Amino acid sequence: MTTISSINPTTSTVISEVEMHTNEQVSRMLKKSAQTFEEWKRTDVSERNELLKNFAELLRKNKEEYGKLITTEMGKVMKQAVPEVAKCASMFDYFADNAEKMLEPEPAEEGACDQMIHYEPMGAVLAIKPWNFPFWQVLSAAAHVLAGGNVMLLKHSSYVPLCALEIENIFLEAGFPEGVFQTMIVDGKTASSLISRDEVKAVSFTGGHDAGQKVAELAAHNMKKFVLELGGSDPFIVLDDANVEMAAKVAVPSRFINTGQTCIAAKRFIVMEEVAEKFTEKFAEGTLNLKIGDPMDPETDIGPMVRNEQMLVLEDQVKDAISKGANPLIPGGRMASQGFMYSPTVLSGVTRDMKVMTEETFGPVAPIITVKTEDEAIELANDSEFGLGASVWSQERDRAMRVASELETGMVGVNSFCTPQACLPFGGVKKSGMGRELSRHGFLEFMNIKAVKLM
């Protein structure tokens, strides 16, 4: 029997050993998925929507319980874990309320009633998802996949097997037929091999660029549709006419939410010289006020990182920056504890050649770089392999919108930081990925858009 360990990152102790599925079990799950799809796609959309609503209600009813599971298994602080579950519930409500309209056939053009566009499900979608938002990362894809009449097979991160299994249990408790959503406890190699299986019709992947590229290659080789979300290095641009105090206040949670372990967080602070000193002072002050410690404590802002391996990457990035002249305004770093605790680090005097500017920093590290002009801010923001999100701060709306229009990203927050919402398409450009999740745009990614011409 092969198992994977569920580890509590707060204590670095094993919670439980979870048995992995065998090849035979996985094959049965694939066949079950294909069989169930034939029934699920014919289920009236109103019935599917009712089940989505049931699922949302279970999330709300048990959000404290599920939040505690998230906190225990990946270390997210409770004040963020419980809202993650509640946000998933709202997202399911959104697709339950809008799926029927999204599925309505459309005339191909004005008045051309004999030419219609139909939206039909593809089949089983293989979802390969990361650990950092154990419920949201899975359910932000599952909501519109299932609402459209597709079924899903989940390969979750090996860091959160208990969350993965619990999500399947919730679907069953909500009344979804067996086989509509199935969790597979398998390794990455096995998951990759499934892309070639006939039962799998499409792939939804969230994770690192290298793994995403391999998924894309396998999917393309097997002529399968895929959507990739591969992280980001989001610029947080503070222009010289910004409300600096508000920008700094919002910048703190924008960088340190989920202990900095989020793809759509502010990761590069690009500040114009005129306001750099004030912004840096206020940002550092807010950072020092964060409470670090037990994630179960409802007052805690910063909990553990998920694993030691993640801390080692972060330490290398910080070491590189300091060796090249960055000033550790708040040194932060690894804490003496039983778990994987890393205190927030703020770096000033950063230059564009440092790893904290060229790589994704997936943890509580904030690099601040100054620029002289608006054009320089835009050029520096776009000088990245990534293009997921961005934030622009200016009290002049037209100016902020002009800058936003120049940024090479999938999402921009003007005088706010980016957060995924059910009604907005989520995804990036460049090495941040391909395709979209959420909204009608995400809904249609895994639908066959069929043209029907009546003679």
Protein backbone atom coordinates (compact mmCIF):
# COMPACT_ATOMS: atom_id res chain seq x y z
CA MET A 1 0.00 0.00 0.00
CA THR A 2 1.39 3.39 -1.05
CA THR A 3 0.44 6.45 0.97
CA ILE A 4 1.08 10.17 1.07
CA SER A 5 1.42 12.11 4.30
CA SER A 6 -0.89 14.93 5.26
CA ILE A 7 1.33 17.26 7.30
CA ASN A 8 0.34 20.12 9.58
CA PRO A 9 2.72 22.97 8.59
CA THR A 10 2.23 24.70 11.94
CA THR A 11 3.82 21.78 13.79
CA SER A 12 5.47 19.89 10.88
CA THR A 13 3.85 16.73 12.23
CA VAL A 14 1.94 14.11 10.24
CA ILE A 15 -1.83 14.38 10.55
CA SER A 16 -2.56 11.13 8.73
CA GLU A 17 -1.40 8.82 5.99
CA VAL A 18 -3.69 8.78 2.97
CA GLU A 19 -3.78 5.72 0.75
CA MET A 20 -3.12 6.42 -2.91
CA HIS A 21 -5.37 5.03 -5.61
CA THR A 22 -4.05 2.15 -7.63
CA ASN A 23 -3.96 2.11 -11.43
CA GLU A 24 -6.95 -0.23 -11.40
CA GLN A 25 -8.94 2.10 -9.18
CA VAL A 26 -8.08 5.07 -11.38
CA SER A 27 -9.22 3.20 -14.49
CA ARG A 28 -12.53 2.43 -12.81
CA MET A 29 -12.93 6.10 -11.90
CA LEU A 30 -12.27 7.15 -15.48
CA LYS A 31 -14.86 4.72 -16.79
CA LYS A 32 -17.33 5.84 -14.14
CA SER A 33 -16.73 9.44 -15.17
CA ALA A 34 -17.46 8.69 -18.85
CA GLN A 35 -20.62 6.76 -17.99
CA THR A 36 -21.90 9.42 -15.62
CA PHE A 37 -21.30 12.17 -18.18
CA GLU A 38 -23.82 10.58 -20.54
CA GLU A 39 -26.48 11.00 -17.86
CA TRP A 40 -25.29 14.30 -16.40
CA LYS A 41 -25.20 16.17 -19.71
CA ARG A 42 -28.88 15.25 -20.25
CA THR A 43 -29.91 16.35 -16.76
CA ASP A 44 -32.05 19.45 -17.05
CA VAL A 45 -30.10 22.59 -16.27
CA SER A 46 -32.61 23.50 -13.55
CA GLU A 47 -31.81 20.23 -11.73
CA ARG A 48 -28.10 20.85 -12.04
CA ASN A 49 -28.56 24.36 -10.69
CA GLU A 50 -30.47 23.04 -7.70
CA LEU A 51 -27.54 20.79 -6.85
CA LEU A 52 -25.15 23.72 -7.19
CA LYS A 53 -27.31 25.59 -4.68
CA ASN A 54 -27.28 22.58 -2.34
CA PHE A 55 -23.49 22.55 -2.52
CA ALA A 56 -23.32 26.28 -1.73
CA GLU A 57 -25.57 25.81 1.30
CA LEU A 58 -23.39 23.01 2.66
CA LEU A 59 -20.33 25.22 2.32
CA ARG A 60 -22.02 28.01 4.26
CA LYS A 61 -23.40 25.69 6.91
CA ASN A 62 -20.04 24.03 7.55
CA LYS A 63 -17.63 26.86 6.68
CA GLU A 64 -15.99 26.82 10.13
CA GLU A 65 -15.37 23.08 9.89
CA TYR A 66 -13.96 23.28 6.37
CA GLY A 67 -11.95 26.37 7.27
CA LYS A 68 -10.39 24.48 10.16
CA LEU A 69 -9.44 21.66 7.79
CA ILE A 70 -7.76 24.14 5.43
CA THR A 71 -5.88 25.73 8.32
CA THR A 72 -4.77 22.39 9.74
CA GLU A 73 -3.57 20.93 6.45
CA MET A 74 -1.95 23.90 4.67
CA GLY A 75 -1.56 26.57 7.34
CA LYS A 76 -3.85 29.33 6.07
CA VAL A 77 -4.94 31.52 8.97
CA MET A 78 -8.52 30.95 10.08
CA LYS A 79 -9.54 34.55 9.39
CA GLN A 80 -8.83 33.80 5.70
CA ALA A 81 -9.70 30.09 5.51
CA VAL A 82 -13.33 30.52 6.53
CA PRO A 83 -13.92 33.37 4.02
CA GLU A 84 -12.35 31.20 1.32
CA VAL A 85 -15.09 28.63 1.87
CA ALA A 86 -17.80 31.30 1.97
CA LYS A 87 -16.51 32.82 -1.28
CA CYS A 88 -16.76 29.40 -2.93
CA ALA A 89 -20.40 29.24 -1.87
CA SER A 90 -21.13 32.60 -3.49
CA MET A 91 -19.42 31.45 -6.67
CA PHE A 92 -21.63 28.35 -6.88
CA ASP A 93 -24.66 30.57 -6.41
CA TYR A 94 -23.47 32.73 -9.30
CA PHE A 95 -23.27 29.84 -11.75
CA ALA A 96 -26.52 28.33 -10.47
CA ASP A 97 -28.19 31.67 -11.17
CA ASN A 98 -26.59 32.22 -14.58
CA ALA A 99 -25.92 28.81 -16.16
CA GLU A 100 -29.28 28.59 -17.89
CA LYS A 101 -28.78 31.94 -19.60
CA MET A 102 -25.21 31.04 -20.54
CA LEU A 103 -26.43 27.85 -22.21
CA GLU A 104 -29.18 29.44 -24.27
CA PRO A 105 -28.65 29.00 -28.03
CA GLU A 106 -27.90 32.28 -29.78
CA PRO A 107 -28.70 33.51 -33.27
CA ALA A 108 -25.52 33.63 -35.33
CA GLU A 109 -26.33 37.21 -36.30
CA GLU A 110 -29.14 39.70 -36.01
CA GLY A 111 -32.30 38.22 -37.51
CA ALA A 112 -30.63 35.00 -38.72
CA CYS A 113 -32.94 32.64 -36.88
CA ASP A 114 -32.01 29.70 -39.09
CA GLN A 115 -28.38 29.90 -37.98
CA MET A 116 -27.81 29.21 -34.30
CA ILE A 117 -24.90 28.76 -31.92
CA HIS A 118 -25.33 25.98 -29.36
CA TYR A 119 -23.22 25.34 -26.27
CA GLU A 120 -22.69 21.70 -25.38
CA PRO A 121 -20.47 20.02 -22.74
CA MET A 122 -17.31 18.17 -23.78
CA GLY A 123 -17.10 15.42 -21.16
CA ALA A 124 -14.64 14.72 -18.35
CA VAL A 125 -12.32 17.57 -17.39
CA LEU A 126 -9.12 16.60 -15.58
CA ALA A 127 -8.34 19.27 -12.96
CA ILE A 128 -4.78 19.41 -11.64
CA LYS A 129 -4.76 21.93 -8.80
CA PRO A 130 -2.35 23.42 -6.22
CA TRP A 131 -2.42 23.62 -2.44
CA ASN A 132 -2.48 27.35 -1.70
CA PHE A 133 -6.27 27.80 -1.84
CA PRO A 134 -7.33 24.19 -1.25
CA PHE A 135 -11.06 24.77 -1.83
CA TRP A 136 -11.10 27.81 -4.13
CA GLN A 137 -8.55 26.51 -6.66
CA VAL A 138 -10.64 23.39 -7.20
CA LEU A 139 -14.11 24.88 -6.99
CA SER A 140 -13.42 27.94 -9.16
CA ALA A 141 -13.03 25.46 -12.01
CA ALA A 142 -15.59 22.89 -10.86
CA ALA A 143 -18.47 25.37 -10.56
CA HIS A 144 -18.70 26.23 -14.25
CA VAL A 145 -17.45 22.84 -15.46
CA LEU A 146 -20.32 21.05 -13.71
CA ALA A 147 -22.88 23.79 -14.37
CA GLY A 148 -22.27 23.35 -18.08
CA GLY A 149 -22.94 19.60 -17.96
CA ASN A 150 -19.33 18.38 -17.86
CA VAL A 151 -17.91 16.12 -15.15
CA MET A 152 -14.62 16.51 -13.29
CA LEU A 153 -11.72 14.34 -12.17
CA LEU A 154 -9.53 16.03 -9.54
CA LYS A 155 -5.83 15.51 -8.98
CA HIS A 156 -5.16 17.85 -6.06
CA SER A 157 -1.79 18.74 -4.57
CA SER A 158 -0.18 16.01 -2.47
CA TYR A 159 0.06 18.61 0.31
CA VAL A 160 -3.73 18.66 0.82
CA PRO A 161 -5.14 15.14 0.34
CA LEU A 162 -7.66 15.52 3.18
CA CYS A 163 -9.12 18.66 1.61
CA ALA A 164 -9.29 16.87 -1.74
CA LEU A 165 -11.26 13.96 -0.31
CA GLU A 166 -13.55 16.22 1.70
CA ILE A 167 -14.50 18.21 -1.39
CA GLU A 168 -15.71 15.02 -3.08
CA ASN A 169 -17.69 14.13 0.05
CA ILE A 170 -19.44 17.51 -0.05
CA PHE A 171 -20.50 16.96 -3.65
CA LEU A 172 -21.99 13.60 -2.73
CA GLU A 173 -23.72 15.04 0.34
CA ALA A 174 -25.19 17.80 -1.84
CA GLY A 175 -26.84 15.14 -3.99
CA PHE A 176 -24.60 15.10 -7.06
CA PRO A 177 -24.61 11.69 -8.76
CA GLU A 178 -21.56 9.51 -8.13
CA GLY A 179 -19.05 10.08 -10.88
CA VAL A 180 -19.85 13.75 -11.53
CA PHE A 181 -16.93 14.80 -9.31
CA GLN A 182 -14.21 12.36 -8.28
CA THR A 183 -10.99 12.88 -6.35
CA MET A 184 -8.00 10.80 -7.38
CA ILE A 185 -5.15 10.44 -4.89
CA VAL A 186 -2.31 9.93 -7.36
CA ASP A 187 1.15 11.35 -8.06
CA GLY A 188 2.00 13.87 -10.76
CA LYS A 189 3.35 11.26 -13.16
CA THR A 190 0.09 9.31 -13.04
CA ALA A 191 -1.96 12.48 -13.50
CA SER A 192 0.07 13.41 -16.58
CA SER A 193 -0.51 9.96 -18.06
CA LEU A 194 -4.27 10.45 -17.78
CA ILE A 195 -4.24 13.25 -20.35
CA SER A 196 -3.86 10.66 -23.10
CA ARG A 197 -6.83 8.61 -21.90
CA ASP A 198 -9.88 8.72 -24.15
CA GLU A 199 -12.17 9.35 -21.18
CA VAL A 200 -10.45 12.72 -20.50
CA LYS A 201 -11.60 15.44 -22.90
CA ALA A 202 -9.93 18.54 -21.44
CA VAL A 203 -7.49 19.70 -18.76
CA SER A 204 -7.66 22.54 -16.23
CA PHE A 205 -4.25 23.16 -14.66
CA THR A 206 -3.09 25.63 -12.03
CA GLY A 207 0.52 25.56 -10.87
CA GLY A 208 4.09 26.32 -11.87
CA HIS A 209 5.21 27.22 -15.38
CA ASP A 210 7.40 24.16 -15.99
CA ALA A 211 4.69 21.70 -15.00
CA GLY A 212 2.11 23.72 -16.94
CA GLN A 213 4.23 23.62 -20.07
CA LYS A 214 4.41 19.83 -19.84
CA VAL A 215 0.64 19.63 -19.39
CA ALA A 216 0.17 21.84 -22.45
CA GLU A 217 2.52 19.68 -24.52
CA LEU A 218 0.71 16.50 -23.52
CA ALA A 219 -2.70 18.00 -24.11
CA ALA A 220 -1.72 19.39 -27.50
CA HIS A 221 -0.15 16.07 -28.51
CA ASN A 222 -3.43 14.35 -27.66
CA MET A 223 -5.60 17.10 -29.18
CA LYS A 224 -7.20 18.00 -25.85
CA LYS A 225 -8.45 21.44 -24.82
CA PHE A 226 -6.57 22.97 -21.88
CA VAL A 227 -6.65 26.02 -19.61
CA LEU A 228 -3.53 27.01 -17.71
CA GLU A 229 -3.00 29.42 -14.79
CA LEU A 230 0.71 29.52 -14.03
CA GLY A 231 1.28 32.19 -11.42
CA GLY A 232 2.35 35.79 -11.53
CA SER A 233 4.67 38.53 -10.39
CA ASP A 234 2.08 41.27 -10.11
CA PRO A 235 3.25 44.90 -10.12
CA PHE A 236 1.74 47.28 -7.56
CA ILE A 237 2.28 50.73 -9.09
CA VAL A 238 2.10 53.82 -6.91
CA LEU A 239 2.09 57.02 -8.99
CA ASP A 240 3.13 60.40 -7.63
CA ASP A 241 -0.46 61.62 -7.22
CA ALA A 242 -1.67 58.53 -5.36
CA ASN A 243 -3.36 58.53 -1.97
CA VAL A 244 -0.20 57.10 -0.44
CA GLU A 245 -1.64 56.20 2.94
CA MET A 246 -4.48 54.25 1.36
CA ALA A 247 -2.13 52.59 -1.13
CA ALA A 248 0.19 51.47 1.66
CA LYS A 249 -2.72 50.26 3.80
CA VAL A 250 -4.06 48.09 0.96
CA ALA A 251 -0.56 46.98 -0.10
CA VAL A 252 0.00 45.10 3.16
CA PRO A 253 -2.81 42.53 2.77
CA SER A 254 -2.27 42.53 -0.99
CA ARG A 255 1.24 41.19 -0.44
CA PHE A 256 0.85 39.14 2.72
CA ILE A 257 -2.56 37.49 2.33
CA ASN A 258 -2.21 33.71 2.68
CA THR A 259 1.33 34.34 4.02
CA GLY A 260 2.22 35.64 0.57
CA GLN A 261 1.46 32.29 -1.04
CA THR A 262 -0.90 33.41 -3.76
CA CYS A 263 -0.51 33.89 -7.50
CA ILE A 264 -2.57 37.08 -7.76
CA ALA A 265 -0.83 38.95 -4.91
CA ALA A 266 1.18 42.15 -5.24
CA LYS A 267 4.77 40.98 -5.69
CA ARG A 268 6.69 43.95 -7.12
CA PHE A 269 6.11 47.37 -5.57
CA ILE A 270 6.94 50.02 -8.17
CA VAL A 271 6.79 53.47 -6.57
CA MET A 272 7.51 56.90 -8.02
CA GLU A 273 10.34 58.75 -6.26
CA GLU A 274 8.18 61.65 -5.03
CA VAL A 275 6.14 59.35 -2.80
CA ALA A 276 8.56 56.46 -2.26
CA GLU A 277 9.74 57.49 1.20
CA LYS A 278 6.25 57.97 2.57
CA PHE A 279 4.90 54.79 0.98
CA THR A 280 7.82 52.71 2.24
CA GLU A 281 7.43 54.10 5.76
CA LYS A 282 3.70 53.40 5.89
CA PHE A 283 4.04 49.97 4.28
CA ALA A 284 6.76 48.94 6.73
CA GLU A 285 4.65 50.20 9.63
CA GLY A 286 1.67 48.13 8.47
CA THR A 287 3.86 45.08 7.98
CA LEU A 288 5.27 45.30 11.50
CA ASN A 289 1.74 45.43 12.89
CA LEU A 290 0.88 42.02 11.44
CA LYS A 291 0.39 39.31 14.03
CA ILE A 292 2.46 36.20 13.36
CA GLY A 293 1.75 32.87 14.98
CA ASP A 294 -0.83 30.13 15.44
CA PRO A 295 -3.13 30.17 12.37
CA MET A 296 -5.99 28.83 14.49
CA ASP A 297 -5.97 32.06 16.49
CA PRO A 298 -8.64 34.29 14.88
CA GLU A 299 -6.37 37.33 15.39
CA THR A 300 -3.37 35.88 13.53
CA ASP A 301 -2.45 37.49 10.19
CA ILE A 302 0.60 35.42 9.20
CA GLY A 303 0.74 31.66 9.67
CA PRO A 304 3.26 29.10 8.48
CA MET A 305 4.39 28.50 4.94
CA VAL A 306 3.24 25.19 3.57
CA ARG A 307 6.58 23.33 3.48
CA ASN A 308 10.28 23.78 4.13
CA GLU A 309 10.96 23.46 0.38
CA GLN A 310 8.99 26.66 -0.24
CA MET A 311 10.98 28.46 2.45
CA LEU A 312 14.28 27.44 0.87
CA VAL A 313 13.28 29.00 -2.46
CA LEU A 314 12.28 32.22 -0.72
CA GLU A 315 15.51 32.33 1.27
CA ASP A 316 17.53 32.00 -1.93
CA GLN A 317 15.63 34.89 -3.52
CA VAL A 318 16.18 37.16 -0.50
CA LYS A 319 19.86 36.20 -0.25
CA ASP A 320 20.31 37.06 -3.93
CA ALA A 321 18.70 40.49 -3.45
CA ILE A 322 20.82 41.39 -0.42
CA SER A 323 24.01 40.23 -2.16
CA LYS A 324 23.20 42.64 -4.99
CA GLY A 325 22.65 45.62 -2.71
CA ALA A 326 19.03 45.47 -1.50
CA ASN A 327 18.38 46.89 1.94
CA PRO A 328 16.52 44.53 4.34
CA LEU A 329 14.29 47.23 5.77
CA ILE A 330 12.47 44.50 7.70
CA PRO A 331 14.83 41.48 7.75
CA GLY A 332 12.18 38.91 8.60
CA GLY A 333 13.04 35.37 7.60
CA ARG A 334 12.87 31.88 9.04
CA MET A 335 11.67 31.74 12.62
CA ALA A 336 12.73 29.33 15.34
CA SER A 337 9.63 27.17 15.60
CA GLN A 338 8.45 23.63 15.21
CA GLY A 339 6.66 24.44 11.98
CA PHE A 340 7.46 26.32 8.78
CA MET A 341 7.25 29.89 10.06
CA TYR A 342 8.71 32.74 7.99
CA SER A 343 8.44 36.32 9.20
CA PRO A 344 7.57 39.01 6.61
CA THR A 345 10.56 40.59 4.86
CA VAL A 346 10.56 44.04 3.24
CA LEU A 347 13.38 44.97 0.87
CA SER A 348 14.12 48.50 -0.33
CA GLY A 349 16.77 49.62 -2.80
CA VAL A 350 15.76 46.80 -5.12
CA THR A 351 17.01 46.64 -8.72
CA ARG A 352 15.46 44.88 -11.69
CA ASP A 353 18.20 42.22 -11.97
CA MET A 354 17.37 40.65 -8.60
CA LYS A 355 15.48 37.35 -8.37
CA VAL A 356 12.73 39.01 -6.30
CA MET A 357 11.97 41.03 -9.45
CA THR A 358 12.48 38.40 -12.15
CA GLU A 359 10.96 35.36 -10.39
CA GLU A 360 7.68 34.78 -8.63
CA THR A 361 8.12 35.25 -4.88
CA PHE A 362 5.71 32.79 -3.28
CA GLY A 363 5.87 33.84 0.33
CA PRO A 364 5.96 36.90 2.65
CA VAL A 365 8.66 38.93 0.90
CA ALA A 366 8.02 42.44 -0.46
CA PRO A 367 10.55 44.16 -2.77
CA ILE A 368 10.20 47.93 -3.32
CA ILE A 369 11.76 49.64 -6.34
CA THR A 370 11.59 53.33 -7.21
CA VAL A 371 11.10 54.94 -10.62
CA LYS A 372 11.25 58.53 -11.87
CA THR A 373 8.40 58.59 -14.38
CA GLU A 374 5.06 57.05 -15.22
CA ASP A 375 6.52 55.62 -18.43
CA GLU A 376 9.34 53.99 -16.49
CA ALA A 377 6.78 52.45 -14.12
CA ILE A 378 4.87 50.95 -17.05
CA GLU A 379 8.01 49.67 -18.74
CA LEU A 380 9.26 48.06 -15.53
CA ALA A 381 5.86 46.53 -14.77
CA ASN A 382 5.82 44.91 -18.22
CA ASP A 383 9.44 43.76 -17.94
CA SER A 384 8.40 40.34 -16.67
CA GLU A 385 7.74 36.86 -18.00
CA PHE A 386 4.45 36.95 -16.12
CA GLY A 387 1.19 38.79 -16.75
CA LEU A 388 -1.51 37.74 -14.33
CA GLY A 389 -2.58 40.82 -12.36
CA ALA A 390 -1.56 44.37 -11.51
CA SER A 391 -2.60 47.30 -9.37
CA VAL A 392 -2.40 51.01 -10.20
CA TRP A 393 -2.75 53.83 -7.69
CA SER A 394 -3.58 57.39 -8.74
CA GLN A 395 -6.18 59.93 -7.66
CA GLU A 396 -6.70 60.89 -11.30
CA ARG A 397 -9.05 58.29 -12.78
CA ASP A 398 -8.17 58.93 -16.42
CA ARG A 399 -4.47 58.65 -15.66
CA ALA A 400 -4.93 55.39 -13.77
CA MET A 401 -7.03 53.96 -16.59
CA ARG A 402 -4.42 55.02 -19.15
CA VAL A 403 -1.70 53.20 -17.22
CA ALA A 404 -3.95 50.17 -16.73
CA SER A 405 -4.51 49.96 -20.48
CA GLU A 406 -0.74 49.74 -21.05
CA LEU A 407 -0.16 46.86 -18.65
CA GLU A 408 0.33 43.37 -20.09
CA THR A 409 -1.84 41.44 -17.66
CA GLY A 410 -5.12 39.56 -17.44
CA MET A 411 -6.50 41.71 -14.62
CA VAL A 412 -5.88 45.21 -13.25
CA GLY A 413 -7.12 46.77 -10.02
CA VAL A 414 -7.38 50.56 -10.03
CA ASN A 415 -6.91 51.87 -6.49
CA SER A 416 -7.54 48.32 -5.30
CA PHE A 417 -5.80 44.98 -5.42
CA CYS A 418 -6.88 42.13 -7.64
CA THR A 419 -9.10 39.39 -6.32
CA PRO A 420 -10.84 36.74 -8.43
CA GLN A 421 -14.62 37.14 -8.67
CA ALA A 422 -17.18 34.79 -10.17
CA CYS A 423 -18.45 37.43 -12.59
CA LEU A 424 -15.00 38.36 -13.96
CA PRO A 425 -12.74 36.25 -16.21
CA PHE A 426 -9.60 35.11 -14.40
CA GLY A 427 -6.35 34.24 -16.13
CA GLY A 428 -3.17 35.72 -17.52
CA VAL A 429 -0.97 36.39 -20.50
CA LYS A 430 2.64 35.55 -21.30
CA LYS A 431 3.96 32.84 -18.94
CA SER A 432 1.05 33.33 -16.54
CA GLY A 433 -1.04 30.99 -18.64
CA MET A 434 -3.65 30.53 -21.33
CA GLY A 435 -7.44 30.64 -21.22
CA ARG A 436 -9.76 31.82 -18.47
CA GLU A 437 -11.69 30.59 -15.47
CA LEU A 438 -14.85 32.13 -13.99
CA SER A 439 -17.49 34.31 -15.67
CA ARG A 440 -19.09 33.36 -18.98
CA HIS A 441 -15.63 33.35 -20.57
CA GLY A 442 -14.48 30.59 -18.24
CA PHE A 443 -17.79 28.77 -18.60
CA LEU A 444 -17.33 28.52 -22.37
CA GLU A 445 -13.74 27.24 -22.21
CA PHE A 446 -14.96 23.67 -21.74
CA MET A 447 -18.02 23.83 -23.94
CA ASN A 448 -18.32 22.74 -27.56
CA ILE A 449 -19.45 25.88 -29.39
CA LYS A 450 -21.51 24.29 -32.12
CA ALA A 451 -22.86 26.10 -35.17
CA VAL A 452 -26.23 24.79 -36.37
CA LYS A 453 -27.65 25.85 -39.73
CA LEU A 454 -31.26 25.00 -40.54
CA MET A 455 -32.30 24.76 -44.17
